[in-house]
Amino acid sequence: MNKELEKLISLHDLDVMISDLANKDISKQEKKLGLSPDSAANELQKMRDELASTIVRKNRDLYEQLAGHYGNAVVPVVNHRCSGCFTQLPTAFFTSQDKNDLVETCPSCGRFIYWCD
């Protein structure tokens, strides 16, 4: 898999974890376990900032724009469909041997896409 695509997926995962820690129910559960959600959120934010700085600016800017608009900027392709907008992708997308070697976006919604198979 393309390193840039891996970074975008990791950035998305960190954003989800940061968002989860902001959830009051999850935060309450963390505190019951003796964990500090605030310090965990700060650590995750630091990791996110470091990772974001290593992503090509064009991709990082597009990621931030998509995340702000859709919430999830990076989605898997499932059954030849973008799992963000459920649009059937063109045949050229899923027949390519190097489909995960490139950073691709859905031609319909613009989200970054990757294949799990």
PDB file of N, CA and C in Angstrom:
ATOM      1  N   MET A   1       0.849  -1.180   0.000  1.00  0.00           N
ATOM      2  CA  MET A   1       0.000   0.000   0.000  1.00  0.00           C
ATOM      3  C   MET A   1       0.890   1.238   0.000  1.00  0.00           C
ATOM      4  N   ASN A   2       0.471   2.237  -0.681  1.00  0.00           N
ATOM      5  CA  ASN A   2       1.160   3.508  -0.789  1.00  0.00           C
ATOM      6  C   ASN A   2       1.325   4.144   0.597  1.00  0.00           C
ATOM      7  N   LYS A   3       2.531   4.624   0.905  1.00  0.00           N
ATOM      8  CA  LYS A   3       2.817   5.221   2.227  1.00  0.00           C
ATOM      9  C   LYS A   3       1.944   6.444   2.499  1.00  0.00           C
ATOM     10  N   GLU A   4       1.704   7.243   1.477  1.00  0.00           N
ATOM     11  CA  GLU A   4       0.868   8.432   1.652  1.00  0.00           C
ATOM     12  C   GLU A   4      -0.564   8.027   2.006  1.00  0.00           C
ATOM     13  N   LEU A   5      -1.055   6.997   1.355  1.00  0.00           N
ATOM     14  CA  LEU A   5      -2.398   6.494   1.649  1.00  0.00           C
ATOM     15  C   LEU A   5      -2.457   5.933   3.069  1.00  0.00           C
ATOM     16  N   GLU A   6      -1.418   5.217   3.482  1.00  0.00           N
ATOM     17  CA  GLU A   6      -1.359   4.713   4.861  1.00  0.00           C
ATOM     18  C   GLU A   6      -1.397   5.853   5.865  1.00  0.00           C
ATOM     19  N   LYS A   7      -0.696   6.931   5.569  1.00  0.00           N
ATOM     20  CA  LYS A   7      -0.693   8.089   6.468  1.00  0.00           C
ATOM     21  C   LYS A   7      -2.085   8.718   6.554  1.00  0.00           C
ATOM     22  N   LEU A   8      -2.774   8.809   5.416  1.00  0.00           N
ATOM     23  CA  LEU A   8      -4.125   9.380   5.414  1.00  0.00           C
ATOM     24  C   LEU A   8      -5.090   8.516   6.226  1.00  0.00           C
ATOM     25  N   ILE A   9      -4.958   7.200   6.093  1.00  0.00           N
ATOM     26  CA  ILE A   9      -5.805   6.290   6.877  1.00  0.00           C
ATOM     27  C   ILE A   9      -5.501   6.444   8.365  1.00  0.00           C
ATOM     28  N   SER A  10      -4.226   6.531   8.714  1.00  0.00           N
ATOM     29  CA  SER A  10      -3.837   6.711  10.121  1.00  0.00           C
ATOM     30  C   SER A  10      -4.332   8.045  10.663  1.00  0.00           C
ATOM     31  N   LEU A  11      -4.264   9.086   9.844  1.00  0.00           N
ATOM     32  CA  LEU A  11      -4.770  10.392  10.266  1.00  0.00           C
ATOM     33  C   LEU A  11      -6.265  10.311  10.565  1.00  0.00           C
ATOM     34  N   HIS A  12      -6.980   9.625   9.703  1.00  0.00           N
ATOM     35  CA  HIS A  12      -8.418   9.429   9.929  1.00  0.00           C
ATOM     36  C   HIS A  12      -8.665   8.669  11.241  1.00  0.00           C
ATOM     37  N   ASP A  13      -7.882   7.613  11.474  1.00  0.00           N
ATOM     38  CA  ASP A  13      -8.039   6.834  12.708  1.00  0.00           C
ATOM     39  C   ASP A  13      -7.786   7.697  13.944  1.00  0.00           C
ATOM     40  N   LEU A  14      -6.758   8.526  13.900  1.00  0.00           N
ATOM     41  CA  LEU A  14      -6.477   9.418  15.031  1.00  0.00           C
ATOM     42  C   LEU A  14      -7.621  10.405  15.240  1.00  0.00           C
ATOM     43  N   ASP A  15      -8.171  10.930  14.151  1.00  0.00           N
ATOM     44  CA  ASP A  15      -9.303  11.852  14.278  1.00  0.00           C
ATOM     45  C   ASP A  15     -10.499  11.173  14.931  1.00  0.00           C
ATOM     46  N   VAL A  16     -10.740   9.917  14.586  1.00  0.00           N
ATOM     47  CA  VAL A  16     -11.845   9.170  15.191  1.00  0.00           C
ATOM     48  C   VAL A  16     -11.590   8.980  16.689  1.00  0.00           C
ATOM     49  N   MET A  17     -10.361   8.626  17.062  1.00  0.00           N
ATOM     50  CA  MET A  17     -10.045   8.426  18.477  1.00  0.00           C
ATOM     51  C   MET A  17     -10.180   9.731  19.264  1.00  0.00           C
ATOM     52  N   ILE A  18      -9.726  10.835  18.693  1.00  0.00           N
ATOM     53  CA  ILE A  18      -9.851  12.137  19.357  1.00  0.00           C
ATOM     54  C   ILE A  18     -11.326  12.492  19.527  1.00  0.00           C
ATOM     55  N   SER A  19     -12.108  12.241  18.498  1.00  0.00           N
ATOM     56  CA  SER A  19     -13.544  12.511  18.565  1.00  0.00           C
ATOM     57  C   SER A  19     -14.220  11.643  19.621  1.00  0.00           C
ATOM     58  N   ASP A  20     -13.817  10.380  19.685  1.00  0.00           N
ATOM     59  CA  ASP A  20     -14.391   9.475  20.687  1.00  0.00           C
ATOM     60  C   ASP A  20     -14.101   9.960  22.106  1.00  0.00           C
ATOM     61  N   LEU A  21     -12.892  10.451  22.338  1.00  0.00           N
ATOM     62  CA  LEU A  21     -12.540  10.931  23.679  1.00  0.00           C
ATOM     63  C   LEU A  21     -13.333  12.175  24.061  1.00  0.00           C
ATOM     64  N   ALA A  22     -13.797  12.915  23.057  1.00  0.00           N
ATOM     65  CA  ALA A  22     -14.607  14.102  23.335  1.00  0.00           C
ATOM     66  C   ALA A  22     -16.040  13.723  23.700  1.00  0.00           C
ATOM     67  N   ASN A  23     -16.438  12.493  23.406  1.00  0.00           N
ATOM     68  CA  ASN A  23     -17.771  12.003  23.744  1.00  0.00           C
ATOM     69  C   ASN A  23     -17.877  11.851  25.261  1.00  0.00           C
ATOM     70  N   LYS A  24     -18.865  12.468  25.856  1.00  0.00           N
ATOM     71  CA  LYS A  24     -19.008  12.462  27.320  1.00  0.00           C
ATOM     72  C   LYS A  24     -19.171  11.054  27.889  1.00  0.00           C
ATOM     73  N   ASP A  25     -19.916  10.179  27.207  1.00  0.00           N
ATOM     74  CA  ASP A  25     -20.103   8.811  27.699  1.00  0.00           C
ATOM     75  C   ASP A  25     -18.787   8.045  27.716  1.00  0.00           C
ATOM     76  N   ILE A  26     -18.029   8.180  26.656  1.00  0.00           N
ATOM     77  CA  ILE A  26     -16.739   7.485  26.586  1.00  0.00           C
ATOM     78  C   ILE A  26     -15.777   8.076  27.609  1.00  0.00           C
ATOM     79  N   SER A  27     -15.793   9.400  27.737  1.00  0.00           N
ATOM     80  CA  SER A  27     -14.939  10.064  28.713  1.00  0.00           C
ATOM     81  C   SER A  27     -15.251   9.581  30.130  1.00  0.00           C
ATOM     82  N   LYS A  28     -16.532   9.425  30.429  1.00  0.00           N
ATOM     83  CA  LYS A  28     -16.954   8.952  31.757  1.00  0.00           C
ATOM     84  C   LYS A  28     -16.444   7.528  31.999  1.00  0.00           C
ATOM     85  N   GLN A  29     -16.530   6.684  30.973  1.00  0.00           N
ATOM     86  CA  GLN A  29     -16.041   5.306  31.094  1.00  0.00           C
ATOM     87  C   GLN A  29     -14.525   5.278  31.293  1.00  0.00           C
ATOM     88  N   GLU A  30     -13.817   6.141  30.589  1.00  0.00           N
ATOM     89  CA  GLU A  30     -12.361   6.217  30.736  1.00  0.00           C
ATOM     90  C   GLU A  30     -11.994   6.591  32.175  1.00  0.00           C
ATOM     91  N   LYS A  31     -12.717   7.556  32.737  1.00  0.00           N
ATOM     92  CA  LYS A  31     -12.442   7.995  34.100  1.00  0.00           C
ATOM     93  C   LYS A  31     -12.717   6.875  35.099  1.00  0.00           C
ATOM     94  N   LYS A  32     -13.775   6.095  34.867  1.00  0.00           N
ATOM     95  CA  LYS A  32     -14.077   4.962  35.740  1.00  0.00           C
ATOM     96  C   LYS A  32     -12.946   3.937  35.730  1.00  0.00           C
ATOM     97  N   LEU A  33     -12.260   3.835  34.607  1.00  0.00           N
ATOM     98  CA  LEU A  33     -11.141   2.897  34.488  1.00  0.00           C
ATOM     99  C   LEU A  33      -9.838   3.473  35.039  1.00  0.00           C
ATOM    100  N   GLY A  34      -9.908   4.708  35.527  1.00  0.00           N
ATOM    101  CA  GLY A  34      -8.729   5.341  36.096  1.00  0.00           C
ATOM    102  C   GLY A  34      -7.833   6.001  35.060  1.00  0.00           C
ATOM    103  N   LEU A  35      -8.361   6.193  33.871  1.00  0.00           N
ATOM    104  CA  LEU A  35      -7.595   6.829  32.804  1.00  0.00           C
ATOM    105  C   LEU A  35      -7.950   8.306  32.724  1.00  0.00           C
ATOM    106  N   SER A  36      -7.057   9.067  32.156  1.00  0.00           N
ATOM    107  CA  SER A  36      -7.287  10.498  32.014  1.00  0.00           C
ATOM    108  C   SER A  36      -7.585  10.822  30.547  1.00  0.00           C
ATOM    109  N   PRO A  37      -8.856  11.041  30.218  1.00  0.00           N
ATOM    110  CA  PRO A  37      -9.209  11.348  28.838  1.00  0.00           C
ATOM    111  C   PRO A  37      -8.536  12.612  28.311  1.00  0.00           C
ATOM    112  N   ASP A  38      -8.327  13.582  29.198  1.00  0.00           N
ATOM    113  CA  ASP A  38      -7.705  14.833  28.759  1.00  0.00           C
ATOM    114  C   ASP A  38      -6.258  14.624  28.333  1.00  0.00           C
ATOM    115  N   SER A  39      -5.498  13.866  29.117  1.00  0.00           N
ATOM    116  CA  SER A  39      -4.102  13.629  28.740  1.00  0.00           C
ATOM    117  C   SER A  39      -4.023  12.732  27.512  1.00  0.00           C
ATOM    118  N   ALA A  40      -4.953  11.779  27.393  1.00  0.00           N
ATOM    119  CA  ALA A  40      -4.980  10.919  26.213  1.00  0.00           C
ATOM    120  C   ALA A  40      -5.310  11.741  24.969  1.00  0.00           C
ATOM    121  N   ALA A  41      -6.266  12.644  25.084  1.00  0.00           N
ATOM    122  CA  ALA A  41      -6.635  13.497  23.952  1.00  0.00           C
ATOM    123  C   ALA A  41      -5.468  14.390  23.546  1.00  0.00           C
ATOM    124  N   ASN A  42      -4.747  14.923  24.534  1.00  0.00           N
ATOM    125  CA  ASN A  42      -3.588  15.763  24.227  1.00  0.00           C
ATOM    126  C   ASN A  42      -2.501  14.966  23.515  1.00  0.00           C
ATOM    127  N   GLU A  43      -2.270  13.764  23.973  1.00  0.00           N
ATOM    128  CA  GLU A  43      -1.256  12.901  23.352  1.00  0.00           C
ATOM    129  C   GLU A  43      -1.665  12.531  21.923  1.00  0.00           C
ATOM    130  N   LEU A  44      -2.928  12.184  21.745  1.00  0.00           N
ATOM    131  CA  LEU A  44      -3.416  11.865  20.400  1.00  0.00           C
ATOM    132  C   LEU A  44      -3.324  13.072  19.475  1.00  0.00           C
ATOM    133  N   GLN A  45      -3.642  14.251  19.988  1.00  0.00           N
ATOM    134  CA  GLN A  45      -3.558  15.469  19.176  1.00  0.00           C
ATOM    135  C   GLN A  45      -2.112  15.733  18.761  1.00  0.00           C
ATOM    136  N   LYS A  46      -1.182  15.503  19.671  1.00  0.00           N
ATOM    137  CA  LYS A  46       0.229  15.683  19.342  1.00  0.00           C
ATOM    138  C   LYS A  46       0.648  14.693  18.248  1.00  0.00           C
ATOM    139  N   MET A  47       0.212  13.444  18.378  1.00  0.00           N
ATOM    140  CA  MET A  47       0.511  12.434  17.363  1.00  0.00           C
ATOM    141  C   MET A  47      -0.110  12.829  16.019  1.00  0.00           C
ATOM    142  N   ARG A  48      -1.331  13.336  16.078  1.00  0.00           N
ATOM    143  CA  ARG A  48      -2.022  13.741  14.856  1.00  0.00           C
ATOM    144  C   ARG A  48      -1.274  14.866  14.158  1.00  0.00           C
ATOM    145  N   ASP A  49      -0.856  15.872  14.930  1.00  0.00           N
ATOM    146  CA  ASP A  49      -0.134  17.011  14.358  1.00  0.00           C
ATOM    147  C   ASP A  49       1.175  16.572  13.706  1.00  0.00           C
ATOM    148  N   GLU A  50       1.891  15.664  14.377  1.00  0.00           N
ATOM    149  CA  GLU A  50       3.148  15.157  13.816  1.00  0.00           C
ATOM    150  C   GLU A  50       2.896  14.404  12.515  1.00  0.00           C
ATOM    151  N   LEU A  51       1.894  13.549  12.509  1.00  0.00           N
ATOM    152  CA  LEU A  51       1.576  12.779  11.312  1.00  0.00           C
ATOM    153  C   LEU A  51       1.120  13.703  10.183  1.00  0.00           C
ATOM    154  N   ALA A  52       0.253  14.641  10.486  1.00  0.00           N
ATOM    155  CA  ALA A  52      -0.265  15.556   9.461  1.00  0.00           C
ATOM    156  C   ALA A  52       0.864  16.339   8.791  1.00  0.00           C
ATOM    157  N   SER A  53       1.897  16.658   9.555  1.00  0.00           N
ATOM    158  CA  SER A  53       3.015  17.427   8.991  1.00  0.00           C
ATOM    159  C   SER A  53       3.829  16.618   7.980  1.00  0.00           C
ATOM    160  N   THR A  54       3.671  15.301   7.972  1.00  0.00           N
ATOM    161  CA  THR A  54       4.425  14.460   7.036  1.00  0.00           C
ATOM    162  C   THR A  54       3.637  14.146   5.762  1.00  0.00           C
ATOM    163  N   ILE A  55       2.394  14.575   5.700  1.00  0.00           N
ATOM    164  CA  ILE A  55       1.540  14.307   4.538  1.00  0.00           C
ATOM    165  C   ILE A  55       1.703  15.444   3.535  1.00  0.00           C
ATOM    166  N   VAL A  56       1.771  15.084   2.262  1.00  0.00           N
ATOM    167  CA  VAL A  56       1.886  16.079   1.194  1.00  0.00           C
ATOM    168  C   VAL A  56       0.786  17.131   1.371  1.00  0.00           C
ATOM    169  N   ARG A  57       1.181  18.379   1.279  1.00  0.00           N
ATOM    170  CA  ARG A  57       0.260  19.485   1.589  1.00  0.00           C
ATOM    171  C   ARG A  57      -1.050  19.400   0.809  1.00  0.00           C
ATOM    172  N   LYS A  58      -0.985  19.094  -0.477  1.00  0.00           N
ATOM    173  CA  LYS A  58      -2.190  19.003  -1.311  1.00  0.00           C
ATOM    174  C   LYS A  58      -3.152  17.957  -0.738  1.00  0.00           C
ATOM    175  N   ASN A  59      -2.614  16.802  -0.360  1.00  0.00           N
ATOM    176  CA  ASN A  59      -3.452  15.740   0.211  1.00  0.00           C
ATOM    177  C   ASN A  59      -3.970  16.115   1.597  1.00  0.00           C
ATOM    178  N   ARG A  60      -3.113  16.742   2.393  1.00  0.00           N
ATOM    179  CA  ARG A  60      -3.518  17.155   3.746  1.00  0.00           C
ATOM    180  C   ARG A  60      -4.636  18.191   3.678  1.00  0.00           C
ATOM    181  N   ASP A  61      -4.495  19.165   2.773  1.00  0.00           N
ATOM    182  CA  ASP A  61      -5.529  20.194   2.639  1.00  0.00           C
ATOM    183  C   ASP A  61      -6.853  19.594   2.167  1.00  0.00           C
ATOM    184  N   LEU A  62      -6.773  18.667   1.199  1.00  0.00           N
ATOM    185  CA  LEU A  62      -7.986  18.010   0.723  1.00  0.00           C
ATOM    186  C   LEU A  62      -8.605  17.168   1.836  1.00  0.00           C
ATOM    187  N   TYR A  63      -7.760  16.467   2.601  1.00  0.00           N
ATOM    188  CA  TYR A  63      -8.253  15.664   3.733  1.00  0.00           C
ATOM    189  C   TYR A  63      -9.029  16.561   4.706  1.00  0.00           C
ATOM    190  N   GLU A  64      -8.450  17.677   5.092  1.00  0.00           N
ATOM    191  CA  GLU A  64      -9.093  18.584   6.054  1.00  0.00           C
ATOM    192  C   GLU A  64     -10.423  19.107   5.506  1.00  0.00           C
ATOM    193  N   GLN A  65     -10.452  19.431   4.226  1.00  0.00           N
ATOM    194  CA  GLN A  65     -11.681  19.913   3.599  1.00  0.00           C
ATOM    195  C   GLN A  65     -12.754  18.818   3.604  1.00  0.00           C
ATOM    196  N   LEU A  66     -12.375  17.607   3.210  1.00  0.00           N
ATOM    197  CA  LEU A  66     -13.327  16.493   3.173  1.00  0.00           C
ATOM    198  C   LEU A  66     -13.804  16.115   4.575  1.00  0.00           C
ATOM    199  N   ALA A  67     -12.887  16.088   5.531  1.00  0.00           N
ATOM    200  CA  ALA A  67     -13.248  15.743   6.913  1.00  0.00           C
ATOM    201  C   ALA A  67     -14.229  16.774   7.472  1.00  0.00           C
ATOM    202  N   GLY A  68     -14.008  18.034   7.159  1.00  0.00           N
ATOM    203  CA  GLY A  68     -14.925  19.079   7.612  1.00  0.00           C
ATOM    204  C   GLY A  68     -16.301  18.963   6.977  1.00  0.00           C
ATOM    205  N   HIS A  69     -16.330  18.524   5.736  1.00  0.00           N
ATOM    206  CA  HIS A  69     -17.604  18.424   5.013  1.00  0.00           C
ATOM    207  C   HIS A  69     -18.355  17.128   5.321  1.00  0.00           C
ATOM    208  N   TYR A  70     -17.640  16.000   5.272  1.00  0.00           N
ATOM    209  CA  TYR A  70     -18.289  14.691   5.426  1.00  0.00           C
ATOM    210  C   TYR A  70     -18.105  14.045   6.796  1.00  0.00           C
ATOM    211  N   GLY A  71     -17.066  14.440   7.497  1.00  0.00           N
ATOM    212  CA  GLY A  71     -16.732  13.756   8.750  1.00  0.00           C
ATOM    213  C   GLY A  71     -15.699  12.679   8.518  1.00  0.00           C
ATOM    214  N   ASN A  72     -15.889  11.868   7.495  1.00  0.00           N
ATOM    215  CA  ASN A  72     -14.902  10.840   7.159  1.00  0.00           C
ATOM    216  C   ASN A  72     -14.355  11.112   5.763  1.00  0.00           C
ATOM    217  N   ALA A  73     -13.064  11.336   5.695  1.00  0.00           N
ATOM    218  CA  ALA A  73     -12.426  11.717   4.443  1.00  0.00           C
ATOM    219  C   ALA A  73     -11.777  10.543   3.733  1.00  0.00           C
ATOM    220  N   VAL A  74     -11.603   9.431   4.428  1.00  0.00           N
ATOM    221  CA  VAL A  74     -10.941   8.254   3.872  1.00  0.00           C
ATOM    222  C   VAL A  74     -11.869   7.060   4.097  1.00  0.00           C
ATOM    223  N   VAL A  75     -12.244   6.402   2.995  1.00  0.00           N
ATOM    224  CA  VAL A  75     -13.200   5.296   3.102  1.00  0.00           C
ATOM    225  C   VAL A  75     -12.743   4.109   2.263  1.00  0.00           C
ATOM    226  N   PRO A  76     -13.108   2.903   2.687  1.00  0.00           N
ATOM    227  CA  PRO A  76     -12.774   1.724   1.885  1.00  0.00           C
ATOM    228  C   PRO A  76     -13.737   1.554   0.714  1.00  0.00           C
ATOM    229  N   VAL A  77     -13.273   0.825  -0.275  1.00  0.00           N
ATOM    230  CA  VAL A  77     -14.128   0.414  -1.386  1.00  0.00           C
ATOM    231  C   VAL A  77     -14.669  -0.961  -1.020  1.00  0.00           C
ATOM    232  N   VAL A  78     -15.984  -1.110  -1.060  1.00  0.00           N
ATOM    233  CA  VAL A  78     -16.641  -2.367  -0.729  1.00  0.00           C
ATOM    234  C   VAL A  78     -17.532  -2.759  -1.908  1.00  0.00           C
ATOM    235  N   ASN A  79     -17.310  -3.961  -2.426  1.00  0.00           N
ATOM    236  CA  ASN A  79     -18.084  -4.448  -3.582  1.00  0.00           C
ATOM    237  C   ASN A  79     -18.055  -3.451  -4.744  1.00  0.00           C
ATOM    238  N   HIS A  80     -16.882  -2.908  -5.006  1.00  0.00           N
ATOM    239  CA  HIS A  80     -16.658  -1.968  -6.115  1.00  0.00           C
ATOM    240  C   HIS A  80     -17.403  -0.651  -5.944  1.00  0.00           C
ATOM    241  N   ARG A  81     -17.795  -0.344  -4.704  1.00  0.00           N
ATOM    242  CA  ARG A  81     -18.491   0.906  -4.412  1.00  0.00           C
ATOM    243  C   ARG A  81     -17.729   1.707  -3.363  1.00  0.00           C
ATOM    244  N   CYS A  82     -17.749   3.013  -3.519  1.00  0.00           N
ATOM    245  CA  CYS A  82     -17.212   3.909  -2.495  1.00  0.00           C
ATOM    246  C   CYS A  82     -18.127   3.772  -1.287  1.00  0.00           C
ATOM    247  N   SER A  83     -17.577   3.460  -0.124  1.00  0.00           N
ATOM    248  CA  SER A  83     -18.434   3.303   1.052  1.00  0.00           C
ATOM    249  C   SER A  83     -18.805   4.643   1.682  1.00  0.00           C
ATOM    250  N   GLY A  84     -18.340   5.727   1.087  1.00  0.00           N
ATOM    251  CA  GLY A  84     -18.767   7.042   1.552  1.00  0.00           C
ATOM    252  C   GLY A  84     -20.065   7.480   0.898  1.00  0.00           C
ATOM    253  N   CYS A  85     -20.143   7.306  -0.429  1.00  0.00           N
ATOM    254  CA  CYS A  85     -21.335   7.758  -1.163  1.00  0.00           C
ATOM    255  C   CYS A  85     -22.074   6.612  -1.849  1.00  0.00           C
ATOM    256  N   PHE A  86     -21.513   5.401  -1.775  1.00  0.00           N
ATOM    257  CA  PHE A  86     -22.112   4.185  -2.332  1.00  0.00           C
ATOM    258  C   PHE A  86     -22.235   4.193  -3.855  1.00  0.00           C
ATOM    259  N   THR A  87     -21.435   5.022  -4.500  1.00  0.00           N
ATOM    260  CA  THR A  87     -21.414   5.069  -5.953  1.00  0.00           C
ATOM    261  C   THR A  87     -20.572   3.923  -6.499  1.00  0.00           C
ATOM    262  N   GLN A  88     -21.055   3.250  -7.537  1.00  0.00           N
ATOM    263  CA  GLN A  88     -20.293   2.211  -8.224  1.00  0.00           C
ATOM    264  C   GLN A  88     -19.109   2.887  -8.905  1.00  0.00           C
ATOM    265  N   LEU A  89     -17.909   2.389  -8.642  1.00  0.00           N
ATOM    266  CA  LEU A  89     -16.714   2.979  -9.238  1.00  0.00           C
ATOM    267  C   LEU A  89     -16.515   2.464 -10.656  1.00  0.00           C
ATOM    268  N   PRO A  90     -15.888   3.271 -11.505  1.00  0.00           N
ATOM    269  CA  PRO A  90     -15.604   2.820 -12.863  1.00  0.00           C
ATOM    270  C   PRO A  90     -14.720   1.573 -12.855  1.00  0.00           C
ATOM    271  N   THR A  91     -14.886   0.728 -13.849  1.00  0.00           N
ATOM    272  CA  THR A  91     -14.146  -0.525 -13.944  1.00  0.00           C
ATOM    273  C   THR A  91     -12.638  -0.312 -13.853  1.00  0.00           C
ATOM    274  N   ALA A  92     -12.147   0.745 -14.422  1.00  0.00           N
ATOM    275  CA  ALA A  92     -10.704   1.007 -14.408  1.00  0.00           C
ATOM    276  C   ALA A  92     -10.145   1.117 -12.992  1.00  0.00           C
ATOM    277  N   PHE A  93     -10.954   1.546 -12.060  1.00  0.00           N
ATOM    278  CA  PHE A  93     -10.509   1.681 -10.676  1.00  0.00           C
ATOM    279  C   PHE A  93     -10.205   0.326 -10.046  1.00  0.00           C
ATOM    280  N   PHE A  94     -11.098  -0.634 -10.204  1.00  0.00           N
ATOM    281  CA  PHE A  94     -10.921  -1.883  -9.469  1.00  0.00           C
ATOM    282  C   PHE A  94     -10.250  -2.989 -10.262  1.00  0.00           C
ATOM    283  N   THR A  95      -9.969  -2.768 -11.534  1.00  0.00           N
ATOM    284  CA  THR A  95      -9.243  -3.787 -12.296  1.00  0.00           C
ATOM    285  C   THR A  95      -7.753  -3.517 -12.304  1.00  0.00           C
ATOM    286  N   SER A  96      -7.354  -2.350 -11.890  1.00  0.00           N
ATOM    287  CA  SER A  96      -5.939  -1.990 -11.867  1.00  0.00           C
ATOM    288  C   SER A  96      -5.189  -2.826 -10.829  1.00  0.00           C
ATOM    289  N   GLN A  97      -4.050  -3.365 -11.216  1.00  0.00           N
ATOM    290  CA  GLN A  97      -3.241  -4.181 -10.307  1.00  0.00           C
ATOM    291  C   GLN A  97      -2.622  -3.338  -9.189  1.00  0.00           C
ATOM    292  N   ASP A  98      -2.365  -2.064  -9.453  1.00  0.00           N
ATOM    293  CA  ASP A  98      -1.698  -1.200  -8.475  1.00  0.00           C
ATOM    294  C   ASP A  98      -2.672  -0.230  -7.803  1.00  0.00           C
ATOM    295  N   LYS A  99      -3.909  -0.670  -7.621  1.00  0.00           N
ATOM    296  CA  LYS A  99      -4.942   0.233  -7.124  1.00  0.00           C
ATOM    297  C   LYS A  99      -4.641   0.833  -5.751  1.00  0.00           C
ATOM    298  N   ASN A 100      -3.921   0.127  -4.877  1.00  0.00           N
ATOM    299  CA  ASN A 100      -3.566   0.693  -3.572  1.00  0.00           C
ATOM    300  C   ASN A 100      -2.168   1.311  -3.572  1.00  0.00           C
ATOM    301  N   ASP A 101      -1.532   1.328  -4.740  1.00  0.00           N
ATOM    302  CA  ASP A 101      -0.222   1.967  -4.834  1.00  0.00           C
ATOM    303  C   ASP A 101      -0.343   3.450  -5.167  1.00  0.00           C
ATOM    304  N   LEU A 102      -1.552   3.875  -5.468  1.00  0.00           N
ATOM    305  CA  LEU A 102      -1.818   5.268  -5.814  1.00  0.00           C
ATOM    306  C   LEU A 102      -2.772   5.875  -4.793  1.00  0.00           C
ATOM    307  N   VAL A 103      -2.685   7.170  -4.628  1.00  0.00           N
ATOM    308  CA  VAL A 103      -3.661   7.876  -3.792  1.00  0.00           C
ATOM    309  C   VAL A 103      -4.794   8.267  -4.729  1.00  0.00           C
ATOM    310  N   GLU A 104      -5.949   7.634  -4.551  1.00  0.00           N
ATOM    311  CA  GLU A 104      -7.109   7.850  -5.430  1.00  0.00           C
ATOM    312  C   GLU A 104      -8.250   8.482  -4.638  1.00  0.00           C
ATOM    313  N   THR A 105      -9.079   9.204  -5.347  1.00  0.00           N
ATOM    314  CA  THR A 105     -10.285   9.765  -4.743  1.00  0.00           C
ATOM    315  C   THR A 105     -11.501   9.280  -5.529  1.00  0.00           C
ATOM    316  N   CYS A 106     -12.609   9.201  -4.862  1.00  0.00           N
ATOM    317  CA  CYS A 106     -13.860   8.800  -5.503  1.00  0.00           C
ATOM    318  C   CYS A 106     -14.254   9.883  -6.511  1.00  0.00           C
ATOM    319  N   PRO A 107     -14.561   9.485  -7.750  1.00  0.00           N
ATOM    320  CA  PRO A 107     -14.949  10.492  -8.746  1.00  0.00           C
ATOM    321  C   PRO A 107     -16.291  11.171  -8.428  1.00  0.00           C
ATOM    322  N   SER A 108     -17.069  10.593  -7.523  1.00  0.00           N
ATOM    323  CA  SER A 108     -18.360  11.174  -7.188  1.00  0.00           C
ATOM    324  C   SER A 108     -18.285  12.122  -5.989  1.00  0.00           C
ATOM    325  N   CYS A 109     -17.789  11.620  -4.849  1.00  0.00           N
ATOM    326  CA  CYS A 109     -17.791  12.443  -3.624  1.00  0.00           C
ATOM    327  C   CYS A 109     -16.430  13.078  -3.324  1.00  0.00           C
ATOM    328  N   GLY A 110     -15.367  12.567  -3.936  1.00  0.00           N
ATOM    329  CA  GLY A 110     -14.037  13.146  -3.736  1.00  0.00           C
ATOM    330  C   GLY A 110     -13.261  12.588  -2.567  1.00  0.00           C
ATOM    331  N   ARG A 111     -13.864  11.683  -1.779  1.00  0.00           N
ATOM    332  CA  ARG A 111     -13.153  11.108  -0.641  1.00  0.00           C
ATOM    333  C   ARG A 111     -11.979  10.248  -1.109  1.00  0.00           C
ATOM    334  N   PHE A 112     -10.965  10.153  -0.256  1.00  0.00           N
ATOM    335  CA  PHE A 112      -9.866   9.236  -0.530  1.00  0.00           C
ATOM    336  C   PHE A 112     -10.403   7.814  -0.385  1.00  0.00           C
ATOM    337  N   ILE A 113     -10.037   6.934  -1.304  1.00  0.00           N
ATOM    338  CA  ILE A 113     -10.530   5.565  -1.275  1.00  0.00           C
ATOM    339  C   ILE A 113      -9.361   4.582  -1.251  1.00  0.00           C
ATOM    340  N   TYR A 114      -9.618   3.412  -0.654  1.00  0.00           N
ATOM    341  CA  TYR A 114      -8.635   2.343  -0.646  1.00  0.00           C
ATOM    342  C   TYR A 114      -9.363   1.010  -0.688  1.00  0.00           C
ATOM    343  N   TRP A 115      -8.636  -0.013  -1.129  1.00  0.00           N
ATOM    344  CA  TRP A 115      -9.207  -1.357  -1.262  1.00  0.00           C
ATOM    345  C   TRP A 115      -8.699  -2.241  -0.129  1.00  0.00           C
ATOM    346  N   CYS A 116      -9.580  -3.013   0.437  1.00  0.00           N
ATOM    347  CA  CYS A 116      -9.233  -3.912   1.550  1.00  0.00           C
ATOM    348  C   CYS A 116      -8.816  -5.302   1.067  1.00  0.00           C
ATOM    349  N   ASP A 117      -9.144  -5.649  -0.151  1.00  0.00           N
ATOM    350  CA  ASP A 117      -8.852  -7.003  -0.641  1.00  0.00           C
ATOM    351  C   ASP A 117      -7.433  -7.170  -1.093  1.00  0.00           C
TER     352      ASP A 117
END
